[in-house]
Protein backbone atom coordinates (compact mmCIF):
# COMPACT_ATOMS: atom_id res chain seq x y z
CA MET A 1 173.20 97.28 144.89
CA LEU A 2 170.63 97.07 142.22
CA GLU A 3 170.73 94.08 139.94
CA TYR A 4 169.27 93.68 136.31
CA ALA A 5 168.27 90.31 134.81
CA GLY A 6 169.63 89.68 131.51
CA ASN A 7 170.96 86.99 129.22
CA TRP A 8 174.44 85.98 127.65
CA LEU A 9 174.99 84.06 124.65
CA GLU A 10 178.33 82.48 124.08
CA CYS A 11 179.86 82.28 120.53
CA ARG A 12 180.16 78.79 119.24
CA ASN A 13 183.20 79.34 117.35
CA ARG A 14 185.86 77.50 119.23
CA ASN A 15 188.43 80.14 118.46
CA CYS A 16 186.18 83.01 119.96
CA GLY A 17 183.71 82.02 122.59
CA PHE A 18 182.89 85.77 123.29
CA PRO A 19 179.87 86.19 125.58
CA THR A 20 177.32 88.74 123.97
CA ARG A 21 174.53 90.25 126.08
CA VAL A 22 171.13 89.71 124.40
CA PRO A 23 167.71 91.33 125.40
CA TYR A 24 165.25 89.20 127.30
CA SER A 25 163.39 86.91 124.80
CA CYS A 26 159.78 85.72 124.80
CA ARG A 27 160.82 82.68 122.72
CA THR A 28 158.17 80.79 124.20
CA LYS A 29 155.34 82.47 122.40
CA LYS A 30 153.30 80.38 120.18
CA VAL A 31 153.48 80.31 116.48
CA ALA A 32 151.27 78.00 114.28
CA GLY A 33 149.97 76.27 117.38
CA ARG A 34 153.43 75.32 118.82
CA THR A 35 155.79 77.06 121.12
CA THR A 36 158.97 78.68 119.61
CA ASP A 37 160.94 77.71 122.67
CA SER A 38 162.87 75.08 120.91
CA ALA A 39 163.02 76.64 117.52
CA PRO A 40 166.58 77.32 116.68
CA PHE A 41 167.65 80.84 115.71
CA LEU A 42 170.71 82.13 113.79
CA PHE A 43 173.00 84.52 115.70
CA ALA A 44 176.09 86.28 114.34
CA CYS A 45 178.94 87.12 116.89
CA PRO A 46 179.71 90.73 116.73
CA VAL A 47 183.45 89.85 117.29
CA CYS A 48 184.47 86.96 114.92
CA LEU A 49 181.47 87.30 112.62
CA HIS A 50 180.62 83.76 112.48
CA ILE A 51 176.98 82.69 112.20
CA ASN A 52 175.75 79.87 114.16
CA PRO A 53 172.44 78.20 115.09
CA TYR A 54 171.36 78.41 118.69
CA GLU A 55 168.47 77.28 120.89
CA ASN A 56 166.69 79.21 123.71
CA LYS A 57 168.33 76.66 126.29
CA GLU A 58 171.75 78.20 125.48
CA LEU A 59 170.92 81.57 126.64
CA ARG A 60 172.43 81.99 129.96
CA ARG A 61 170.48 84.02 132.59
CA VAL A 62 172.63 86.46 134.40
CA ARG A 63 172.13 89.23 137.10
CA PHE A 64 173.99 92.35 135.94
CA ARG A 65 175.10 95.44 137.84
CA TRP A 66 174.18 97.68 134.96
CA PRO A 67 170.96 98.26 133.15
CA ASP A 68 169.89 96.43 129.95
CA PRO A 69 171.79 98.37 127.21
CA TYR A 70 169.11 97.40 124.79
CA LYS A 71 166.49 99.37 126.85
CA THR A 72 168.85 102.30 127.48
CA GLY A 73 169.46 102.72 123.79
CA LYS A 74 173.16 101.92 123.55
CA LEU A 75 172.68 98.53 121.82
CA VAL A 76 170.53 97.52 119.12
CA LEU A 77 169.41 93.85 118.14
CA TYR A 78 169.03 93.77 114.47
CA SER A 79 167.73 90.90 112.16
CA ALA A 80 168.76 90.41 108.64
CA LEU A 81 166.66 88.51 106.27
CA VAL A 82 169.06 86.89 103.74
CA GLY A 83 168.41 85.03 100.67
CA CYS A 84 170.39 82.07 99.11
CA ALA A 85 172.41 83.12 96.18
CA HIS A 86 172.20 79.57 94.41
CA PRO A 87 170.14 79.85 91.29
CA LEU A 88 166.32 79.18 91.72
CA CYS A 89 166.68 78.64 95.67
CA PRO A 90 163.96 80.26 97.46
CA THR A 91 165.42 79.70 100.94
CA GLU A 92 165.74 82.97 103.25
CA LEU A 93 167.24 82.88 106.66
CA THR A 94 166.98 85.28 109.49
CA ILE A 95 170.09 86.10 111.25
CA PHE A 96 170.05 88.16 114.44
CA THR A 97 173.11 90.34 115.62
CA PRO A 98 173.72 93.20 118.06
CA ALA A 99 175.34 96.54 117.29
CA ALA A 100 175.98 99.89 119.11
CA SER A 101 173.35 102.19 118.44
CA THR A 102 175.90 104.87 117.24
CA VAL A 103 177.14 102.81 114.40
CA SER A 104 175.45 103.54 110.99
CA LEU A 105 173.51 100.81 109.14
CA ALA A 106 175.82 101.52 106.11
CA ALA A 107 178.95 100.84 108.15
CA LEU A 108 177.32 97.66 109.65
CA LEU A 109 176.49 96.21 106.09
CA GLY A 110 180.12 96.76 105.28
CA LEU A 111 181.03 94.66 108.26
CA TRP A 112 178.24 92.09 107.93
CA LYS A 113 179.40 91.21 104.45
CA SER A 114 182.09 89.49 105.91
CA TRP A 115 179.98 87.15 108.07
CA THR A 116 181.06 83.41 107.86
CA LEU A 117 178.06 80.86 107.54
CA ASP A 118 178.31 77.19 106.96
CA ILE A 119 174.86 75.78 106.71
CA GLN A 120 173.31 73.23 104.17
CA CYS A 121 170.46 74.50 102.11
CA GLY A 122 168.56 71.69 100.60
CA ARG A 123 171.31 69.75 98.60
CA HIS A 124 173.84 72.72 98.36
CA ARG A 125 175.59 75.03 100.77
CA PHE A 126 173.84 78.23 101.60
CA ARG A 127 175.57 81.17 99.97
CA MET A 128 174.42 84.58 101.09
CA ARG A 129 173.11 86.96 98.36
CA ASN A 130 174.69 90.43 98.08
CA ASN A 131 173.96 92.44 101.05
CA GLU A 132 172.23 95.13 98.98
CA SER A 133 169.21 92.69 98.69
CA TRP A 134 168.94 91.97 102.41
CA TRP A 135 166.09 93.16 104.52
CA ILE A 136 167.29 94.72 107.79
CA GLN A 137 165.19 95.62 110.73
CA GLU A 138 165.50 96.30 114.30
CA GLU A 139 164.07 93.79 116.71
CA LYS A 140 162.94 93.73 120.47
CA SER A 141 163.91 90.29 121.18
CA LEU A 142 165.20 87.16 119.65
CA ALA A 143 161.68 86.11 118.97
CA GLY A 144 161.59 88.93 116.31
CA ALA A 145 158.49 90.64 118.05
CA ASP A 146 157.78 92.70 121.03
CA CYS A 147 157.58 90.79 124.15
């Protein structure tokens, strides 16, 4: 039987814990002279809609019996660049999340506006700007670039 290498990422929300398949990532690429292997990334659970920070070491390598749904075009990994709504705050966060390729971006934005995020931004709590100002794009990996 053919096996396909892949990764799981388990939701950190204690009421969820849903395992989400994510594409293989080249998170060890060099950026500004350092590797991104330990750089945390934000990931939104497609089930409970909670956004949590993760590290590369939390990706669980698994051998699957079915091909990578990202490579077959069934799933898409999106990144959303979201700015803080606090007045004069320049902070922007990149949030990764998967979605079925058959779901429209308009429908996804309607769902994503319900994301739950609890992160400090300087001296205040990060509040997401209206989703009409978000920059959304498809990604090949959690590194945000083609591997």
